[in-house]
Amino acid sequence: MNIGDVAERSGLPPKTIRYYEDIGLIRPGRSANGYRAFRENDLHKLAFIGRARTLGFTIEECRTLLDLYEDENRESAVVKRIAEDHLARIDEKIAQLKSMRATLAELVAACHGDSRPDCPIIEDLGRGGRPDDPA
């Protein structure tokens, strides 16, 4: 398969596929004329990486997971630990986003949104969002 075929079947752009090759996540063969020649196994790896990236795993985590995917003697505990660590980071980000949302919702509610120049949103941004700073 050429890169266009693999891109279409994997749902990944050719540029991303070339990047994954450049960093060693996949290693397609080469045809006699020097073009990339992807095998079915390469397609499976790309789909695996694409799904992992969709779930937010980093490139290095994808590299580790791909190694585990190819290791028939892997321990599922190792895979689970990687996923649990990632899940904890997602939960942390969710907590941060909820905090950001609550703060912004308070500021929006406090702003009259009229023709007057005073604005709690601008005031908060001006003091760097530090509630202990009287600005």
C-alpha atoms as a PDB file:
ATOM      1  CA  MET A   1       0.000   0.000   0.000  1.00  0.00           C
ATOM      2  CA  ASN A   2       1.174   3.534  -0.624  1.00  0.00           C
ATOM      3  CA  ILE A   3       0.888   6.379   1.867  1.00  0.00           C
ATOM      4  CA  GLY A   4      -2.363   7.628   0.327  1.00  0.00           C
ATOM      5  CA  ASP A   5      -4.018   4.227   0.746  1.00  0.00           C
ATOM      6  CA  VAL A   6      -2.811   3.905   4.334  1.00  0.00           C
ATOM      7  CA  ALA A   7      -3.885   7.464   5.134  1.00  0.00           C
ATOM      8  CA  GLU A   8      -7.373   6.800   3.831  1.00  0.00           C
ATOM      9  CA  ARG A   9      -7.730   3.471   5.630  1.00  0.00           C
ATOM     10  CA  SER A  10      -6.210   4.627   8.920  1.00  0.00           C
ATOM     11  CA  GLY A  11      -7.872   8.038   8.995  1.00  0.00           C
ATOM     12  CA  LEU A  12      -4.512   9.716   9.602  1.00  0.00           C
ATOM     13  CA  PRO A  13      -3.113  12.445   7.356  1.00  0.00           C
ATOM     14  CA  PRO A  14      -0.029  11.535   5.288  1.00  0.00           C
ATOM     15  CA  LYS A  15       1.962  14.213   7.123  1.00  0.00           C
ATOM     16  CA  THR A  16       1.230  12.488  10.452  1.00  0.00           C
ATOM     17  CA  ILE A  17       2.178   9.108   9.019  1.00  0.00           C
ATOM     18  CA  ARG A  18       5.489  10.516   7.766  1.00  0.00           C
ATOM     19  CA  TYR A  19       6.084  12.037  11.218  1.00  0.00           C
ATOM     20  CA  TYR A  20       5.429   8.683  12.903  1.00  0.00           C
ATOM     21  CA  GLU A  21       7.943   7.153  10.517  1.00  0.00           C
ATOM     22  CA  ASP A  22      10.491   9.899  11.227  1.00  0.00           C
ATOM     23  CA  ILE A  23      10.311   9.284  14.976  1.00  0.00           C
ATOM     24  CA  GLY A  24      10.446   5.517  14.543  1.00  0.00           C
ATOM     25  CA  LEU A  25       6.930   4.508  15.577  1.00  0.00           C
ATOM     26  CA  ILE A  26       6.460   2.712  12.279  1.00  0.00           C
ATOM     27  CA  ARG A  27       8.979   1.429   9.776  1.00  0.00           C
ATOM     28  CA  PRO A  28       7.408   0.849   6.390  1.00  0.00           C
ATOM     29  CA  GLY A  29       9.426  -0.870   3.725  1.00  0.00           C
ATOM     30  CA  ARG A  30      10.497   0.757   0.510  1.00  0.00           C
ATOM     31  CA  SER A  31       9.588  -0.255  -3.019  1.00  0.00           C
ATOM     32  CA  ALA A  32      12.195  -0.558  -5.757  1.00  0.00           C
ATOM     33  CA  ASN A  33      11.562   3.056  -6.753  1.00  0.00           C
ATOM     34  CA  GLY A  34      12.092   4.254  -3.156  1.00  0.00           C
ATOM     35  CA  TYR A  35       8.455   4.918  -2.279  1.00  0.00           C
ATOM     36  CA  ARG A  36       7.094   3.853   1.078  1.00  0.00           C
ATOM     37  CA  ALA A  37       5.488   0.429   0.909  1.00  0.00           C
ATOM     38  CA  PHE A  38       3.124  -0.151   3.818  1.00  0.00           C
ATOM     39  CA  ARG A  39       2.080  -3.602   4.932  1.00  0.00           C
ATOM     40  CA  GLU A  40      -1.146  -4.582   6.633  1.00  0.00           C
ATOM     41  CA  ASN A  41       0.764  -4.693   9.924  1.00  0.00           C
ATOM     42  CA  ASP A  42       1.770  -1.040   9.446  1.00  0.00           C
ATOM     43  CA  LEU A  43      -1.888  -0.156   8.979  1.00  0.00           C
ATOM     44  CA  HIS A  44      -2.797  -1.931  12.235  1.00  0.00           C
ATOM     45  CA  LYS A  45      -0.027  -0.072  14.079  1.00  0.00           C
ATOM     46  CA  LEU A  46      -1.178   3.263  12.681  1.00  0.00           C
ATOM     47  CA  ALA A  47      -4.768   2.561  13.703  1.00  0.00           C
ATOM     48  CA  PHE A  48      -3.507   1.589  17.172  1.00  0.00           C
ATOM     49  CA  ILE A  49      -1.464   4.789  17.484  1.00  0.00           C
ATOM     50  CA  GLY A  50      -4.334   6.886  16.137  1.00  0.00           C
ATOM     51  CA  ARG A  51      -6.723   5.478  18.720  1.00  0.00           C
ATOM     52  CA  ALA A  52      -4.191   5.935  21.527  1.00  0.00           C
ATOM     53  CA  ARG A  53      -3.589   9.551  20.476  1.00  0.00           C
ATOM     54  CA  THR A  54      -7.360  10.133  20.371  1.00  0.00           C
ATOM     55  CA  LEU A  55      -7.439   9.020  24.006  1.00  0.00           C
ATOM     56  CA  GLY A  56      -4.736  11.561  24.768  1.00  0.00           C
ATOM     57  CA  PHE A  57      -1.713   9.329  25.237  1.00  0.00           C
ATOM     58  CA  THR A  58       1.599  11.062  24.553  1.00  0.00           C
ATOM     59  CA  ILE A  59       3.910   9.950  21.760  1.00  0.00           C
ATOM     60  CA  GLU A  60       6.204   8.291  24.286  1.00  0.00           C
ATOM     61  CA  GLU A  61       3.278   6.508  25.917  1.00  0.00           C
ATOM     62  CA  CYS A  62       2.190   5.382  22.438  1.00  0.00           C
ATOM     63  CA  ARG A  63       5.691   4.069  21.830  1.00  0.00           C
ATOM     64  CA  THR A  64       5.540   2.073  25.075  1.00  0.00           C
ATOM     65  CA  LEU A  65       2.009   0.828  24.396  1.00  0.00           C
ATOM     66  CA  LEU A  66       2.974  -0.171  20.862  1.00  0.00           C
ATOM     67  CA  ASP A  67       5.917  -2.151  22.234  1.00  0.00           C
ATOM     68  CA  LEU A  68       3.529  -3.856  24.652  1.00  0.00           C
ATOM     69  CA  TYR A  69       1.028  -4.455  21.842  1.00  0.00           C
ATOM     70  CA  GLU A  70       3.712  -6.324  19.927  1.00  0.00           C
ATOM     71  CA  ASP A  71       4.946  -8.256  22.998  1.00  0.00           C
ATOM     72  CA  GLU A  72       2.945 -11.455  23.354  1.00  0.00           C
ATOM     73  CA  ASN A  73       4.510 -11.986  26.795  1.00  0.00           C
ATOM     74  CA  ARG A  74       3.452  -8.585  28.120  1.00  0.00           C
ATOM     75  CA  GLU A  75       1.927  -8.216  31.537  1.00  0.00           C
ATOM     76  CA  SER A  76      -1.442  -6.522  31.475  1.00  0.00           C
ATOM     77  CA  ALA A  77      -0.516  -4.916  34.808  1.00  0.00           C
ATOM     78  CA  VAL A  78       2.046  -2.772  32.973  1.00  0.00           C
ATOM     79  CA  VAL A  79      -0.563  -1.663  30.437  1.00  0.00           C
ATOM     80  CA  LYS A  80      -3.057  -0.953  33.196  1.00  0.00           C
ATOM     81  CA  ARG A  81      -0.522   1.126  35.145  1.00  0.00           C
ATOM     82  CA  ILE A  82       0.142   3.301  32.071  1.00  0.00           C
ATOM     83  CA  ALA A  83      -3.591   3.768  31.526  1.00  0.00           C
ATOM     84  CA  GLU A  84      -4.219   4.510  35.215  1.00  0.00           C
ATOM     85  CA  ASP A  85      -1.473   7.158  35.240  1.00  0.00           C
ATOM     86  CA  HIS A  86      -2.972   8.729  32.131  1.00  0.00           C
ATOM     87  CA  LEU A  87      -6.457   8.624  33.655  1.00  0.00           C
ATOM     88  CA  ALA A  88      -5.156  10.397  36.761  1.00  0.00           C
ATOM     89  CA  ARG A  89      -3.713  13.167  34.563  1.00  0.00           C
ATOM     90  CA  ILE A  90      -7.061  13.477  32.758  1.00  0.00           C
ATOM     91  CA  ASP A  91      -8.888  13.727  36.096  1.00  0.00           C
ATOM     92  CA  GLU A  92      -6.445  16.449  37.168  1.00  0.00           C
ATOM     93  CA  LYS A  93      -7.087  18.387  33.961  1.00  0.00           C
ATOM     94  CA  ILE A  94     -10.847  18.035  34.444  1.00  0.00           C
ATOM     95  CA  ALA A  95     -10.531  19.435  37.974  1.00  0.00           C
ATOM     96  CA  GLN A  96      -8.494  22.363  36.644  1.00  0.00           C
ATOM     97  CA  LEU A  97     -11.061  23.019  33.918  1.00  0.00           C
ATOM     98  CA  LYS A  98     -13.922  22.910  36.440  1.00  0.00           C
ATOM     99  CA  SER A  99     -12.086  25.418  38.610  1.00  0.00           C
ATOM    100  CA  MET A 100     -11.437  27.670  35.612  1.00  0.00           C
ATOM    101  CA  ARG A 101     -15.073  27.434  34.622  1.00  0.00           C
ATOM    102  CA  ALA A 102     -16.317  28.301  38.110  1.00  0.00           C
ATOM    103  CA  THR A 103     -14.031  31.327  38.305  1.00  0.00           C
ATOM    104  CA  LEU A 104     -15.011  32.556  34.864  1.00  0.00           C
ATOM    105  CA  ALA A 105     -18.714  31.987  35.578  1.00  0.00           C
ATOM    106  CA  GLU A 106     -18.405  34.140  38.723  1.00  0.00           C
ATOM    107  CA  LEU A 107     -16.680  36.894  36.765  1.00  0.00           C
ATOM    108  CA  VAL A 108     -19.264  36.802  33.979  1.00  0.00           C
ATOM    109  CA  ALA A 109     -22.096  36.950  36.520  1.00  0.00           C
ATOM    110  CA  ALA A 110     -20.453  39.917  38.278  1.00  0.00           C
ATOM    111  CA  CYS A 111     -20.033  41.900  35.068  1.00  0.00           C
ATOM    112  CA  HIS A 112     -22.957  44.168  34.205  1.00  0.00           C
ATOM    113  CA  GLY A 113     -22.156  44.011  30.508  1.00  0.00           C
ATOM    114  CA  ASP A 114     -23.432  47.518  29.955  1.00  0.00           C
ATOM    115  CA  SER A 115     -21.961  50.771  28.619  1.00  0.00           C
ATOM    116  CA  ARG A 116     -20.024  51.530  31.822  1.00  0.00           C
ATOM    117  CA  PRO A 117     -16.248  50.991  31.778  1.00  0.00           C
ATOM    118  CA  ASP A 118     -15.996  49.108  35.074  1.00  0.00           C
ATOM    119  CA  CYS A 119     -15.677  45.380  34.462  1.00  0.00           C
ATOM    120  CA  PRO A 120     -14.798  42.672  37.018  1.00  0.00           C
ATOM    121  CA  ILE A 121     -13.449  40.467  34.237  1.00  0.00           C
ATOM    122  CA  ILE A 122     -10.884  43.080  33.132  1.00  0.00           C
ATOM    123  CA  GLU A 123     -10.039  43.868  36.772  1.00  0.00           C
ATOM    124  CA  ASP A 124      -9.381  40.205  37.538  1.00  0.00           C
ATOM    125  CA  LEU A 125      -7.257  39.723  34.442  1.00  0.00           C
ATOM    126  CA  GLY A 126      -5.348  42.904  35.318  1.00  0.00           C
ATOM    127  CA  ARG A 127      -4.252  41.578  38.687  1.00  0.00           C
ATOM    128  CA  GLY A 128      -3.297  38.201  37.243  1.00  0.00           C
ATOM    129  CA  GLY A 129      -6.248  36.412  38.799  1.00  0.00           C
ATOM    130  CA  ARG A 130      -4.716  36.479  42.303  1.00  0.00           C
ATOM    131  CA  PRO A 131      -7.648  36.986  44.667  1.00  0.00           C
ATOM    132  CA  ASP A 132      -5.280  38.083  47.484  1.00  0.00           C
ATOM    133  CA  ASP A 133      -3.991  41.009  45.407  1.00  0.00           C
ATOM    134  CA  PRO A 134      -6.205  44.069  45.986  1.00  0.00           C
ATOM    135  CA  ALA A 135      -5.019  45.628  42.673  1.00  0.00           C
END
